[in-house]
PDB file of N, CA and C in Angstrom:
ATOM      1  N   MET A   1       0.714  33.204  -2.557  1.00  0.00           N
ATOM      2  CA  MET A   1       2.030  33.529  -2.091  1.00  0.00           C
ATOM      3  C   MET A   1       1.986  34.095  -0.671  1.00  0.00           C
ATOM      4  N   ALA A   2       0.879  34.797  -0.363  1.00  0.00           N
ATOM      5  CA  ALA A   2       0.742  35.348   0.980  1.00  0.00           C
ATOM      6  C   ALA A   2       0.685  34.240   2.021  1.00  0.00           C
ATOM      7  N   SER A   3       0.078  33.124   1.668  1.00  0.00           N
ATOM      8  CA  SER A   3       0.004  32.019   2.617  1.00  0.00           C
ATOM      9  C   SER A   3       1.388  31.454   2.906  1.00  0.00           C
ATOM     10  N   MET A   4       2.266  31.490   1.924  1.00  0.00           N
ATOM     11  CA  MET A   4       3.626  31.001   2.149  1.00  0.00           C
ATOM     12  C   MET A   4       4.387  31.949   3.075  1.00  0.00           C
ATOM     13  N   GLN A   5       4.113  33.257   2.990  1.00  0.00           N
ATOM     14  CA  GLN A   5       4.753  34.196   3.907  1.00  0.00           C
ATOM     15  C   GLN A   5       4.266  33.941   5.326  1.00  0.00           C
ATOM     16  N   ASN A   6       2.976  33.645   5.462  1.00  0.00           N
ATOM     17  CA  ASN A   6       2.442  33.290   6.775  1.00  0.00           C
ATOM     18  C   ASN A   6       3.088  32.013   7.275  1.00  0.00           C
ATOM     19  N   PHE A   7       3.280  31.064   6.366  1.00  0.00           N
ATOM     20  CA  PHE A   7       3.905  29.792   6.698  1.00  0.00           C
ATOM     21  C   PHE A   7       5.327  30.035   7.200  1.00  0.00           C
ATOM     22  N   ASP A   8       6.079  30.902   6.497  1.00  0.00           N
ATOM     23  CA  ASP A   8       7.442  31.228   6.917  1.00  0.00           C
ATOM     24  C   ASP A   8       7.446  31.928   8.271  1.00  0.00           C
ATOM     25  N   ALA A   9       6.480  32.809   8.493  1.00  0.00           N
ATOM     26  CA  ALA A   9       6.386  33.505   9.781  1.00  0.00           C
ATOM     27  C   ALA A   9       6.098  32.517  10.903  1.00  0.00           C
ATOM     28  N   GLU A  10       5.242  31.542  10.648  1.00  0.00           N
ATOM     29  CA  GLU A  10       4.935  30.521  11.654  1.00  0.00           C
ATOM     30  C   GLU A  10       6.172  29.686  11.970  1.00  0.00           C
ATOM     31  N   ILE A  11       6.942  29.353  10.947  1.00  0.00           N
ATOM     32  CA  ILE A  11       8.175  28.583  11.158  1.00  0.00           C
ATOM     33  C   ILE A  11       9.133  29.384  12.036  1.00  0.00           C
ATOM     34  N   GLU A  12       9.295  30.672  11.735  1.00  0.00           N
ATOM     35  CA  GLU A  12      10.205  31.508  12.513  1.00  0.00           C
ATOM     36  C   GLU A  12       9.724  31.650  13.955  1.00  0.00           C
ATOM     37  N   LYS A  13       8.410  31.806  14.142  1.00  0.00           N
ATOM     38  CA  LYS A  13       7.854  31.924  15.490  1.00  0.00           C
ATOM     39  C   LYS A  13       8.102  30.637  16.278  1.00  0.00           C
ATOM     40  N   THR A  14       7.958  29.497  15.622  1.00  0.00           N
ATOM     41  CA  THR A  14       8.199  28.218  16.282  1.00  0.00           C
ATOM     42  C   THR A  14       9.670  28.073  16.648  1.00  0.00           C
ATOM     43  N   ARG A  15      10.555  28.495  15.758  1.00  0.00           N
ATOM     44  CA  ARG A  15      11.993  28.437  16.063  1.00  0.00           C
ATOM     45  C   ARG A  15      12.328  29.281  17.289  1.00  0.00           C
ATOM     46  N   GLN A  16      11.764  30.480  17.354  1.00  0.00           N
ATOM     47  CA  GLN A  16      12.027  31.350  18.500  1.00  0.00           C
ATOM     48  C   GLN A  16      11.512  30.725  19.789  1.00  0.00           C
ATOM     49  N   THR A  17      10.341  30.120  19.731  1.00  0.00           N
ATOM     50  CA  THR A  17       9.776  29.470  20.916  1.00  0.00           C
ATOM     51  C   THR A  17      10.662  28.321  21.365  1.00  0.00           C
ATOM     52  N   VAL A  18      11.163  27.550  20.415  1.00  0.00           N
ATOM     53  CA  VAL A  18      12.049  26.429  20.750  1.00  0.00           C
ATOM     54  C   VAL A  18      13.322  26.947  21.408  1.00  0.00           C
ATOM     55  N   GLU A  19      13.887  28.022  20.879  1.00  0.00           N
ATOM     56  CA  GLU A  19      15.104  28.588  21.468  1.00  0.00           C
ATOM     57  C   GLU A  19      14.846  29.083  22.890  1.00  0.00           C
ATOM     58  N   GLU A  20      13.703  29.738  23.102  1.00  0.00           N
ATOM     59  CA  GLU A  20      13.366  30.197  24.451  1.00  0.00           C
ATOM     60  C   GLU A  20      13.219  29.014  25.400  1.00  0.00           C
ATOM     61  N   MET A  21      12.585  27.954  24.923  1.00  0.00           N
ATOM     62  CA  MET A  21      12.411  26.765  25.760  1.00  0.00           C
ATOM     63  C   MET A  21      13.753  26.145  26.102  1.00  0.00           C
ATOM     64  N   LYS A  22      14.658  26.082  25.128  1.00  0.00           N
ATOM     65  CA  LYS A  22      15.983  25.515  25.390  1.00  0.00           C
ATOM     66  C   LYS A  22      16.704  26.316  26.470  1.00  0.00           C
ATOM     67  N   THR A  23      16.639  27.634  26.350  1.00  0.00           N
ATOM     68  CA  THR A  23      17.299  28.500  27.327  1.00  0.00           C
ATOM     69  C   THR A  23      16.733  28.283  28.721  1.00  0.00           C
ATOM     70  N   LYS A  24      15.416  28.255  28.820  1.00  0.00           N
ATOM     71  CA  LYS A  24      14.786  28.072  30.129  1.00  0.00           C
ATOM     72  C   LYS A  24      15.063  26.685  30.697  1.00  0.00           C
ATOM     73  N   LEU A  25      15.103  25.682  29.831  1.00  0.00           N
ATOM     74  CA  LEU A  25      15.420  24.337  30.314  1.00  0.00           C
ATOM     75  C   LEU A  25      16.857  24.257  30.816  1.00  0.00           C
ATOM     76  N   GLU A  26      17.775  24.941  30.120  1.00  0.00           N
ATOM     77  CA  GLU A  26      19.162  24.967  30.583  1.00  0.00           C
ATOM     78  C   GLU A  26      19.259  25.662  31.938  1.00  0.00           C
ATOM     79  N   GLN A  27      18.538  26.769  32.084  1.00  0.00           N
ATOM     80  CA  GLN A  27      18.532  27.471  33.371  1.00  0.00           C
ATOM     81  C   GLN A  27      17.955  26.578  34.459  1.00  0.00           C
ATOM     82  N   SER A  28      16.904  25.866  34.126  1.00  0.00           N
ATOM     83  CA  SER A  28      16.292  24.953  35.098  1.00  0.00           C
ATOM     84  C   SER A  28      17.266  23.856  35.487  1.00  0.00           C
ATOM     85  N   GLY A  29      18.015  23.359  34.522  1.00  0.00           N
ATOM     86  CA  GLY A  29      19.001  22.324  34.812  1.00  0.00           C
ATOM     87  C   GLY A  29      20.052  22.806  35.785  1.00  0.00           C
ATOM     88  N   VAL A  30      20.508  24.045  35.607  1.00  0.00           N
ATOM     89  CA  VAL A  30      21.510  24.615  36.510  1.00  0.00           C
ATOM     90  C   VAL A  30      20.944  24.730  37.924  1.00  0.00           C
ATOM     91  N   VAL A  31      19.731  25.241  38.029  1.00  0.00           N
ATOM     92  CA  VAL A  31      19.114  25.404  39.350  1.00  0.00           C
ATOM     93  C   VAL A  31      18.857  24.050  39.992  1.00  0.00           C
ATOM     94  N   LEU A  32      18.397  23.090  39.212  1.00  0.00           N
ATOM     95  CA  LEU A  32      18.147  21.756  39.761  1.00  0.00           C
ATOM     96  C   LEU A  32      19.445  21.095  40.220  1.00  0.00           C
ATOM     97  N   ASP A  33      20.539  21.352  39.506  1.00  0.00           N
ATOM     98  CA  ASP A  33      21.838  20.851  39.963  1.00  0.00           C
ATOM     99  C   ASP A  33      22.217  21.468  41.307  1.00  0.00           C
ATOM    100  N   LYS A  34      21.933  22.773  41.464  1.00  0.00           N
ATOM    101  CA  LYS A  34      22.193  23.431  42.751  1.00  0.00           C
ATOM    102  C   LYS A  34      21.363  22.789  43.851  1.00  0.00           C
ATOM    103  N   PHE A  35      20.092  22.526  43.533  1.00  0.00           N
ATOM    104  CA  PHE A  35      19.217  21.896  44.521  1.00  0.00           C
ATOM    105  C   PHE A  35      19.744  20.522  44.920  1.00  0.00           C
ATOM    106  N   ALA A  36      20.239  19.792  43.950  1.00  0.00           N
ATOM    107  CA  ALA A  36      20.729  18.444  44.230  1.00  0.00           C
ATOM    108  C   ALA A  36      21.973  18.484  45.119  1.00  0.00           C
ATOM    109  N   LYS A  37      22.800  19.520  44.970  1.00  0.00           N
ATOM    110  CA  LYS A  37      24.037  19.614  45.736  1.00  0.00           C
ATOM    111  C   LYS A  37      23.840  20.301  47.086  1.00  0.00           C
ATOM    112  N   ALA A  38      22.796  21.103  47.195  1.00  0.00           N
ATOM    113  CA  ALA A  38      22.570  21.866  48.426  1.00  0.00           C
ATOM    114  C   ALA A  38      21.993  20.976  49.514  1.00  0.00           C
ATOM    115  N   GLU A  39      22.341  21.329  50.740  1.00  0.00           N
ATOM    116  CA  GLU A  39      21.804  20.587  51.882  1.00  0.00           C
ATOM    117  C   GLU A  39      20.379  21.015  52.185  1.00  0.00           C
ATOM    118  N   THR A  40      20.101  22.294  51.962  1.00  0.00           N
ATOM    119  CA  THR A  40      18.745  22.799  52.182  1.00  0.00           C
ATOM    120  C   THR A  40      18.289  23.526  50.920  1.00  0.00           C
ATOM    121  N   ILE A  41      17.021  23.495  50.704  1.00  0.00           N
ATOM    122  CA  ILE A  41      16.455  24.154  49.525  1.00  0.00           C
ATOM    123  C   ILE A  41      15.659  25.358  50.000  1.00  0.00           C
ATOM    124  N   GLY A  42      15.996  26.522  49.457  1.00  0.00           N
ATOM    125  CA  GLY A  42      15.263  27.733  49.814  1.00  0.00           C
ATOM    126  C   GLY A  42      13.894  27.738  49.155  1.00  0.00           C
ATOM    127  N   GLU A  43      12.904  28.146  49.905  1.00  0.00           N
ATOM    128  CA  GLU A  43      11.522  28.173  49.407  1.00  0.00           C
ATOM    129  C   GLU A  43      11.387  29.101  48.199  1.00  0.00           C
ATOM    130  N   ILE A  44      12.056  30.250  48.252  1.00  0.00           N
ATOM    131  CA  ILE A  44      11.960  31.222  47.158  1.00  0.00           C
ATOM    132  C   ILE A  44      12.581  30.659  45.889  1.00  0.00           C
ATOM    133  N   ASP A  45      13.773  30.068  46.013  1.00  0.00           N
ATOM    134  CA  ASP A  45      14.426  29.475  44.843  1.00  0.00           C
ATOM    135  C   ASP A  45      13.564  28.383  44.233  1.00  0.00           C
ATOM    136  N   PHE A  46      12.957  27.599  45.086  1.00  0.00           N
ATOM    137  CA  PHE A  46      12.119  26.502  44.604  1.00  0.00           C
ATOM    138  C   PHE A  46      10.896  27.046  43.862  1.00  0.00           C
ATOM    139  N   ASP A  47      10.272  28.093  44.406  1.00  0.00           N
ATOM    140  CA  ASP A  47       9.103  28.693  43.758  1.00  0.00           C
ATOM    141  C   ASP A  47       9.464  29.305  42.406  1.00  0.00           C
ATOM    142  N   ILE A  48      10.611  29.969  42.348  1.00  0.00           N
ATOM    143  CA  ILE A  48      11.059  30.563  41.083  1.00  0.00           C
ATOM    144  C   ILE A  48      11.285  29.475  40.044  1.00  0.00           C
ATOM    145  N   GLU A  49      11.946  28.422  40.453  1.00  0.00           N
ATOM    146  CA  GLU A  49      12.220  27.331  39.516  1.00  0.00           C
ATOM    147  C   GLU A  49      10.931  26.647  39.085  1.00  0.00           C
ATOM    148  N   ASN A  50      10.012  26.470  39.985  1.00  0.00           N
ATOM    149  CA  ASN A  50       8.724  25.856  39.665  1.00  0.00           C
ATOM    150  C   ASN A  50       7.972  26.717  38.643  1.00  0.00           C
ATOM    151  N   ALA A  51       8.004  28.038  38.821  1.00  0.00           N
ATOM    152  CA  ALA A  51       7.343  28.946  37.874  1.00  0.00           C
ATOM    153  C   ALA A  51       8.003  28.869  36.504  1.00  0.00           C
ATOM    154  N   ARG A  52       9.332  28.759  36.487  1.00  0.00           N
ATOM    155  CA  ARG A  52      10.047  28.666  35.214  1.00  0.00           C
ATOM    156  C   ARG A  52       9.674  27.375  34.485  1.00  0.00           C
ATOM    157  N   ILE A  53       9.591  26.284  35.214  1.00  0.00           N
ATOM    158  CA  ILE A  53       9.217  25.003  34.599  1.00  0.00           C
ATOM    159  C   ILE A  53       7.785  25.063  34.070  1.00  0.00           C
ATOM    160  N   GLU A  54       6.880  25.683  34.822  1.00  0.00           N
ATOM    161  CA  GLU A  54       5.502  25.827  34.352  1.00  0.00           C
ATOM    162  C   GLU A  54       5.439  26.665  33.082  1.00  0.00           C
ATOM    163  N   ASP A  55       6.277  27.712  33.006  1.00  0.00           N
ATOM    164  CA  ASP A  55       6.326  28.547  31.805  1.00  0.00           C
ATOM    165  C   ASP A  55       6.812  27.744  30.605  1.00  0.00           C
ATOM    166  N   VAL A  56       7.817  26.918  30.821  1.00  0.00           N
ATOM    167  CA  VAL A  56       8.324  26.065  29.738  1.00  0.00           C
ATOM    168  C   VAL A  56       7.228  25.117  29.260  1.00  0.00           C
ATOM    169  N   LEU A  57       6.469  24.568  30.180  1.00  0.00           N
ATOM    170  CA  LEU A  57       5.385  23.659  29.795  1.00  0.00           C
ATOM    171  C   LEU A  57       4.298  24.392  29.008  1.00  0.00           C
ATOM    172  N   ARG A  58       3.989  25.635  29.390  1.00  0.00           N
ATOM    173  CA  ARG A  58       3.012  26.429  28.632  1.00  0.00           C
ATOM    174  C   ARG A  58       3.532  26.703  27.226  1.00  0.00           C
ATOM    175  N   GLN A  59       4.806  27.076  27.125  1.00  0.00           N
ATOM    176  CA  GLN A  59       5.392  27.341  25.816  1.00  0.00           C
ATOM    177  C   GLN A  59       5.426  26.081  24.965  1.00  0.00           C
ATOM    178  N   GLN A  60       5.604  24.950  25.598  1.00  0.00           N
ATOM    179  CA  GLN A  60       5.588  23.691  24.859  1.00  0.00           C
ATOM    180  C   GLN A  60       4.220  23.487  24.216  1.00  0.00           C
ATOM    181  N   GLY A  61       3.158  23.799  24.935  1.00  0.00           N
ATOM    182  CA  GLY A  61       1.811  23.688  24.370  1.00  0.00           C
ATOM    183  C   GLY A  61       1.624  24.612  23.184  1.00  0.00           C
ATOM    184  N   VAL A  62       2.128  25.850  23.303  1.00  0.00           N
ATOM    185  CA  VAL A  62       2.040  26.805  22.194  1.00  0.00           C
ATOM    186  C   VAL A  62       2.824  26.285  20.996  1.00  0.00           C
ATOM    187  N   MET A  63       4.024  25.780  21.261  1.00  0.00           N
ATOM    188  CA  MET A  63       4.862  25.268  20.186  1.00  0.00           C
ATOM    189  C   MET A  63       4.203  24.082  19.492  1.00  0.00           C
ATOM    190  N   GLU A  64       3.585  23.194  20.252  1.00  0.00           N
ATOM    191  CA  GLU A  64       2.899  22.054  19.648  1.00  0.00           C
ATOM    192  C   GLU A  64       1.761  22.526  18.746  1.00  0.00           C
ATOM    193  N   GLY A  65       1.055  23.571  19.172  1.00  0.00           N
ATOM    194  CA  GLY A  65       0.002  24.149  18.333  1.00  0.00           C
ATOM    195  C   GLY A  65       0.565  24.741  17.054  1.00  0.00           C
ATOM    196  N   ASN A  66       1.703  25.446  17.157  1.00  0.00           N
ATOM    197  CA  ASN A  66       2.344  26.021  15.968  1.00  0.00           C
ATOM    198  C   ASN A  66       2.789  24.932  15.005  1.00  0.00           C
ATOM    199  N   ILE A  67       3.364  23.871  15.538  1.00  0.00           N
ATOM    200  CA  ILE A  67       3.810  22.770  14.686  1.00  0.00           C
ATOM    201  C   ILE A  67       2.622  22.120  13.996  1.00  0.00           C
ATOM    202  N   ALA A  68       1.521  21.954  14.722  1.00  0.00           N
ATOM    203  CA  ALA A  68       0.313  21.381  14.109  1.00  0.00           C
ATOM    204  C   ALA A  68      -0.187  22.279  12.982  1.00  0.00           C
ATOM    205  N   ASP A  69      -0.168  23.604  13.192  1.00  0.00           N
ATOM    206  CA  ASP A  69      -0.583  24.534  12.138  1.00  0.00           C
ATOM    207  C   ASP A  69       0.330  24.433  10.925  1.00  0.00           C
ATOM    208  N   LEU A  70       1.628  24.294  11.163  1.00  0.00           N
ATOM    209  CA  LEU A  70       2.574  24.154  10.056  1.00  0.00           C
ATOM    210  C   LEU A  70       2.309  22.882   9.266  1.00  0.00           C
ATOM    211  N   ILE A  71       2.029  21.806   9.963  1.00  0.00           N
ATOM    212  CA  ILE A  71       1.758  20.534   9.291  1.00  0.00           C
ATOM    213  C   ILE A  71       0.487  20.635   8.463  1.00  0.00           C
ATOM    214  N   ILE A  72      -0.544  21.260   9.021  1.00  0.00           N
ATOM    215  CA  ILE A  72      -1.800  21.419   8.284  1.00  0.00           C
ATOM    216  C   ILE A  72      -1.580  22.295   7.052  1.00  0.00           C
ATOM    217  N   GLY A  73      -0.802  23.368   7.195  1.00  0.00           N
ATOM    218  CA  GLY A  73      -0.503  24.234   6.051  1.00  0.00           C
ATOM    219  C   GLY A  73       0.247  23.501   4.963  1.00  0.00           C
ATOM    220  N   LEU A  74       1.202  22.680   5.356  1.00  0.00           N
ATOM    221  CA  LEU A  74       1.952  21.899   4.375  1.00  0.00           C
ATOM    222  C   LEU A  74       1.049  20.886   3.692  1.00  0.00           C
ATOM    223  N   GLU A  75       0.154  20.280   4.454  1.00  0.00           N
ATOM    224  CA  GLU A  75      -0.780  19.319   3.876  1.00  0.00           C
ATOM    225  C   GLU A  75      -1.697  20.000   2.864  1.00  0.00           C
ATOM    226  N   ASP A  76      -2.170  21.200   3.189  1.00  0.00           N
ATOM    227  CA  ASP A  76      -3.023  21.941   2.255  1.00  0.00           C
ATOM    228  C   ASP A  76      -2.277  22.251   0.961  1.00  0.00           C
ATOM    229  N   ALA A  77      -1.014  22.667   1.087  1.00  0.00           N
ATOM    230  CA  ALA A  77      -0.218  22.986  -0.099  1.00  0.00           C
ATOM    231  C   ALA A  77      -0.005  21.748  -0.962  1.00  0.00           C
ATOM    232  N   THR A  78       0.259  20.610  -0.342  1.00  0.00           N
ATOM    233  CA  THR A  78       0.464  19.390  -1.129  1.00  0.00           C
ATOM    234  C   THR A  78      -0.841  18.900  -1.737  1.00  0.00           C
ATOM    235  N   ASN A  79      -1.971  19.131  -1.055  1.00  0.00           N
ATOM    236  CA  ASN A  79      -3.263  18.737  -1.624  1.00  0.00           C
ATOM    237  C   ASN A  79      -3.584  19.538  -2.877  1.00  0.00           C
ATOM    238  N   VAL A  80      -3.286  20.835  -2.868  1.00  0.00           N
ATOM    239  CA  VAL A  80      -3.509  21.669  -4.054  1.00  0.00           C
ATOM    240  C   VAL A  80      -2.644  21.168  -5.196  1.00  0.00           C
ATOM    241  N   PHE A  81      -1.401  20.867  -4.885  1.00  0.00           N
ATOM    242  CA  PHE A  81      -0.483  20.378  -5.910  1.00  0.00           C
ATOM    243  C   PHE A  81      -0.957  19.034  -6.457  1.00  0.00           C
ATOM    244  N   GLY A  82      -1.429  18.154  -5.578  1.00  0.00           N
ATOM    245  CA  GLY A  82      -1.946  16.852  -6.006  1.00  0.00           C
ATOM    246  C   GLY A  82      -3.170  16.996  -6.885  1.00  0.00           C
ATOM    247  N   ALA A  83      -4.022  17.968  -6.572  1.00  0.00           N
ATOM    248  CA  ALA A  83      -5.215  18.202  -7.397  1.00  0.00           C
ATOM    249  C   ALA A  83      -4.817  18.640  -8.801  1.00  0.00           C
ATOM    250  N   GLU A  84      -3.758  19.438  -8.909  1.00  0.00           N
ATOM    251  CA  GLU A  84      -3.264  19.849 -10.230  1.00  0.00           C
ATOM    252  C   GLU A  84      -2.836  18.629 -11.044  1.00  0.00           C
ATOM    253  N   PHE A  85      -2.125  17.717 -10.404  1.00  0.00           N
ATOM    254  CA  PHE A  85      -1.695  16.516 -11.111  1.00  0.00           C
ATOM    255  C   PHE A  85      -2.876  15.643 -11.512  1.00  0.00           C
ATOM    256  N   GLU A  86      -3.864  15.530 -10.646  1.00  0.00           N
ATOM    257  CA  GLU A  86      -5.057  14.738 -10.968  1.00  0.00           C
ATOM    258  C   GLU A  86      -5.781  15.322 -12.171  1.00  0.00           C
ATOM    259  N   SER A  87      -5.852  16.651 -12.235  1.00  0.00           N
ATOM    260  CA  SER A  87      -6.532  17.274 -13.370  1.00  0.00           C
ATOM    261  C   SER A  87      -5.773  17.020 -14.667  1.00  0.00           C
ATOM    262  N   MET A  88      -4.479  16.812 -14.575  1.00  0.00           N
ATOM    263  CA  MET A  88      -3.696  16.525 -15.776  1.00  0.00           C
ATOM    264  C   MET A  88      -3.982  15.125 -16.299  1.00  0.00           C
ATOM    265  N   LYS A  89      -4.327  14.207 -15.414  1.00  0.00           N
ATOM    266  CA  LYS A  89      -4.592  12.826 -15.843  1.00  0.00           C
ATOM    267  C   LYS A  89      -5.941  12.677 -16.522  1.00  0.00           C
ATOM    268  N   SER A  90      -6.920  13.442 -16.065  1.00  0.00           N
ATOM    269  CA  SER A  90      -8.274  13.262 -16.592  1.00  0.00           C
ATOM    270  C   SER A  90      -8.519  14.175 -17.790  1.00  0.00           C
ATOM    271  N   TYR A  91      -9.587  13.877 -18.497  1.00  0.00           N
ATOM    272  CA  TYR A  91      -9.977  14.663 -19.661  1.00  0.00           C
ATOM    273  C   TYR A  91     -10.979  15.729 -19.248  1.00  0.00           C
ATOM    274  N   THR A  92     -10.920  16.880 -19.922  1.00  0.00           N
ATOM    275  CA  THR A  92     -11.915  17.922 -19.681  1.00  0.00           C
ATOM    276  C   THR A  92     -13.203  17.546 -20.407  1.00  0.00           C
ATOM    277  N   ALA A  93     -14.274  18.267 -20.113  1.00  0.00           N
ATOM    278  CA  ALA A  93     -15.563  17.995 -20.761  1.00  0.00           C
ATOM    279  C   ALA A  93     -15.455  18.177 -22.270  1.00  0.00           C
ATOM    280  N   MET A  94     -14.748  19.199 -22.698  1.00  0.00           N
ATOM    281  CA  MET A  94     -14.581  19.444 -24.143  1.00  0.00           C
ATOM    282  C   MET A  94     -13.800  18.300 -24.783  1.00  0.00           C
ATOM    283  N   GLU A  95     -12.757  17.845 -24.122  1.00  0.00           N
ATOM    284  CA  GLU A  95     -11.964  16.740 -24.672  1.00  0.00           C
ATOM    285  C   GLU A  95     -12.799  15.470 -24.764  1.00  0.00           C
ATOM    286  N   LYS A  96     -13.635  15.226 -23.772  1.00  0.00           N
ATOM    287  CA  LYS A  96     -14.517  14.052 -23.823  1.00  0.00           C
ATOM    288  C   LYS A  96     -15.512  14.163 -24.966  1.00  0.00           C
ATOM    289  N   PHE A  97     -16.034  15.356 -25.175  1.00  0.00           N
ATOM    290  CA  PHE A  97     -16.978  15.557 -26.274  1.00  0.00           C
ATOM    291  C   PHE A  97     -16.300  15.288 -27.616  1.00  0.00           C
ATOM    292  N   ILE A  98     -15.091  15.816 -27.791  1.00  0.00           N
ATOM    293  CA  ILE A  98     -14.333  15.575 -29.029  1.00  0.00           C
ATOM    294  C   ILE A  98     -14.019  14.091 -29.164  1.00  0.00           C
ATOM    295  N   GLY A  99     -13.806  13.423 -28.034  1.00  0.00           N
ATOM    296  CA  GLY A  99     -13.495  11.995 -28.040  1.00  0.00           C
ATOM    297  C   GLY A  99     -14.609  11.141 -28.608  1.00  0.00           C
ATOM    298  N   ILE A 100     -15.839  11.637 -28.580  1.00  0.00           N
ATOM    299  CA  ILE A 100     -16.956  10.899 -29.192  1.00  0.00           C
ATOM    300  C   ILE A 100     -16.697  10.716 -30.679  1.00  0.00           C
ATOM    301  N   PHE A 101     -16.098  11.725 -31.294  1.00  0.00           N
ATOM    302  CA  PHE A 101     -15.856  11.695 -32.737  1.00  0.00           C
ATOM    303  C   PHE A 101     -14.466  11.179 -33.091  1.00  0.00           C
ATOM    304  N   SER A 102     -13.463  11.502 -32.247  1.00  0.00           N
ATOM    305  CA  SER A 102     -12.092  11.092 -32.569  1.00  0.00           C
ATOM    306  C   SER A 102     -11.288  10.895 -31.283  1.00  0.00           C
ATOM    307  N   LYS A 103     -10.948   9.654 -31.005  1.00  0.00           N
ATOM    308  CA  LYS A 103     -10.152   9.338 -29.808  1.00  0.00           C
ATOM    309  C   LYS A 103      -8.751   9.942 -29.911  1.00  0.00           C
ATOM    310  N   GLN A 104      -8.189   9.910 -31.116  1.00  0.00           N
ATOM    311  CA  GLN A 104      -6.843  10.461 -31.286  1.00  0.00           C
ATOM    312  C   GLN A 104      -6.823  11.967 -31.035  1.00  0.00           C
ATOM    313  N   ARG A 105      -7.821  12.655 -31.561  1.00  0.00           N
ATOM    314  CA  ARG A 105      -7.903  14.106 -31.357  1.00  0.00           C
ATOM    315  C   ARG A 105      -8.073  14.423 -29.861  1.00  0.00           C
ATOM    316  N   MET A 106      -8.884  13.621 -29.163  1.00  0.00           N
ATOM    317  CA  MET A 106      -9.088  13.804 -27.731  1.00  0.00           C
ATOM    318  C   MET A 106      -7.750  13.675 -26.995  1.00  0.00           C
ATOM    319  N   GLN A 107      -6.981  12.661 -27.340  1.00  0.00           N
ATOM    320  CA  GLN A 107      -5.678  12.432 -26.706  1.00  0.00           C
ATOM    321  C   GLN A 107      -4.710  13.576 -27.012  1.00  0.00           C
ATOM    322  N   ARG A 108      -4.706  14.045 -28.263  1.00  0.00           N
ATOM    323  CA  ARG A 108      -3.821  15.157 -28.639  1.00  0.00           C
ATOM    324  C   ARG A 108      -4.180  16.432 -27.875  1.00  0.00           C
ATOM    325  N   MET A 109      -5.472  16.678 -27.714  1.00  0.00           N
ATOM    326  CA  MET A 109      -5.906  17.876 -26.986  1.00  0.00           C
ATOM    327  C   MET A 109      -5.443  17.819 -25.525  1.00  0.00           C
ATOM    328  N   ARG A 110      -5.589  16.656 -24.907  1.00  0.00           N
ATOM    329  CA  ARG A 110      -5.152  16.516 -23.513  1.00  0.00           C
ATOM    330  C   ARG A 110      -3.645  16.678 -23.410  1.00  0.00           C
ATOM    331  N   THR A 111      -2.915  16.053 -24.327  1.00  0.00           N
ATOM    332  CA  THR A 111      -1.455  16.154 -24.327  1.00  0.00           C
ATOM    333  C   THR A 111      -1.023  17.606 -24.472  1.00  0.00           C
ATOM    334  N   GLU A 112      -1.680  18.330 -25.359  1.00  0.00           N
ATOM    335  CA  GLU A 112      -1.358  19.744 -25.571  1.00  0.00           C
ATOM    336  C   GLU A 112      -1.663  20.572 -24.312  1.00  0.00           C
ATOM    337  N   ARG A 113      -2.794  20.294 -23.683  1.00  0.00           N
ATOM    338  CA  ARG A 113      -3.175  21.011 -22.457  1.00  0.00           C
ATOM    339  C   ARG A 113      -2.152  20.757 -21.354  1.00  0.00           C
ATOM    340  N   VAL A 114      -1.760  19.507 -21.178  1.00  0.00           N
ATOM    341  CA  VAL A 114      -0.795  19.153 -20.133  1.00  0.00           C
ATOM    342  C   VAL A 114       0.563  19.779 -20.426  1.00  0.00           C
ATOM    343  N   ARG A 115       0.944  19.793 -21.675  1.00  0.00           N
ATOM    344  CA  ARG A 115       2.237  20.349 -22.064  1.00  0.00           C
ATOM    345  C   ARG A 115       2.325  21.840 -21.735  1.00  0.00           C
ATOM    346  N   HIS A 116       1.219  22.547 -21.897  1.00  0.00           N
ATOM    347  CA  HIS A 116       1.230  23.997 -21.692  1.00  0.00           C
ATOM    348  C   HIS A 116       0.818  24.409 -20.279  1.00  0.00           C
ATOM    349  N   MET A 117       0.488  23.443 -19.445  1.00  0.00           N
ATOM    350  CA  MET A 117       0.069  23.755 -18.078  1.00  0.00           C
ATOM    351  C   MET A 117       1.287  24.193 -17.271  1.00  0.00           C
ATOM    352  N   SER A 118       1.151  25.290 -16.559  1.00  0.00           N
ATOM    353  CA  SER A 118       2.254  25.821 -15.758  1.00  0.00           C
ATOM    354  C   SER A 118       2.120  25.345 -14.316  1.00  0.00           C
ATOM    355  N   LEU A 119       3.125  24.648 -13.855  1.00  0.00           N
ATOM    356  CA  LEU A 119       3.141  24.172 -12.471  1.00  0.00           C
ATOM    357  C   LEU A 119       4.153  24.932 -11.623  1.00  0.00           C
ATOM    358  N   SER A 120       4.825  25.893 -12.232  1.00  0.00           N
ATOM    359  CA  SER A 120       5.902  26.576 -11.512  1.00  0.00           C
ATOM    360  C   SER A 120       5.408  27.305 -10.267  1.00  0.00           C
ATOM    361  N   SER A 121       4.248  27.944 -10.345  1.00  0.00           N
ATOM    362  CA  SER A 121       3.754  28.665  -9.161  1.00  0.00           C
ATOM    363  C   SER A 121       3.429  27.697  -8.031  1.00  0.00           C
ATOM    364  N   ASN A 122       2.828  26.551  -8.376  1.00  0.00           N
ATOM    365  CA  ASN A 122       2.513  25.561  -7.340  1.00  0.00           C
ATOM    366  C   ASN A 122       3.777  24.925  -6.774  1.00  0.00           C
ATOM    367  N   LEU A 123       4.751  24.679  -7.627  1.00  0.00           N
ATOM    368  CA  LEU A 123       6.018  24.126  -7.137  1.00  0.00           C
ATOM    369  C   LEU A 123       6.705  25.119  -6.204  1.00  0.00           C
ATOM    370  N   GLN A 124       6.697  26.385  -6.588  1.00  0.00           N
ATOM    371  CA  GLN A 124       7.327  27.409  -5.757  1.00  0.00           C
ATOM    372  C   GLN A 124       6.630  27.499  -4.409  1.00  0.00           C
ATOM    373  N   GLU A 125       5.293  27.444  -4.415  1.00  0.00           N
ATOM    374  CA  GLU A 125       4.541  27.515  -3.165  1.00  0.00           C
ATOM    375  C   GLU A 125       4.813  26.295  -2.296  1.00  0.00           C
ATOM    376  N   LEU A 126       4.930  25.129  -2.922  1.00  0.00           N
ATOM    377  CA  LEU A 126       5.193  23.907  -2.175  1.00  0.00           C
ATOM    378  C   LEU A 126       6.568  23.954  -1.520  1.00  0.00           C
ATOM    379  N   LEU A 127       7.540  24.497  -2.250  1.00  0.00           N
ATOM    380  CA  LEU A 127       8.898  24.608  -1.702  1.00  0.00           C
ATOM    381  C   LEU A 127       8.932  25.674  -0.640  1.00  0.00           C
TER     382      LEU A 127
END
């Protein structure tokens, strides 16, 4: 469950970064519009705008890293869930041993195990 809290924190951090990038891009758009309309471009204004654009590009790299981490975390969660389903399809060693003597008993044991298996925690983590 702690990993899901980390996952939620990463999502929130990525959202904040995206919002900051949007704001800076909007500011850059306004300044670039001024540059396009102005007859002369001030060196200071140009340097400030250039620094702002570089900051947005740095934040974009951070955001891409956060998104990659989120994707990897989601993949890990789905892999755990998939492993649970795979274990439900196969027989345990004890069930296989019983199957030597009675195939029906082996099937009943597996059915009973699958019926009582709790997937709620994994489903909650996946969601």
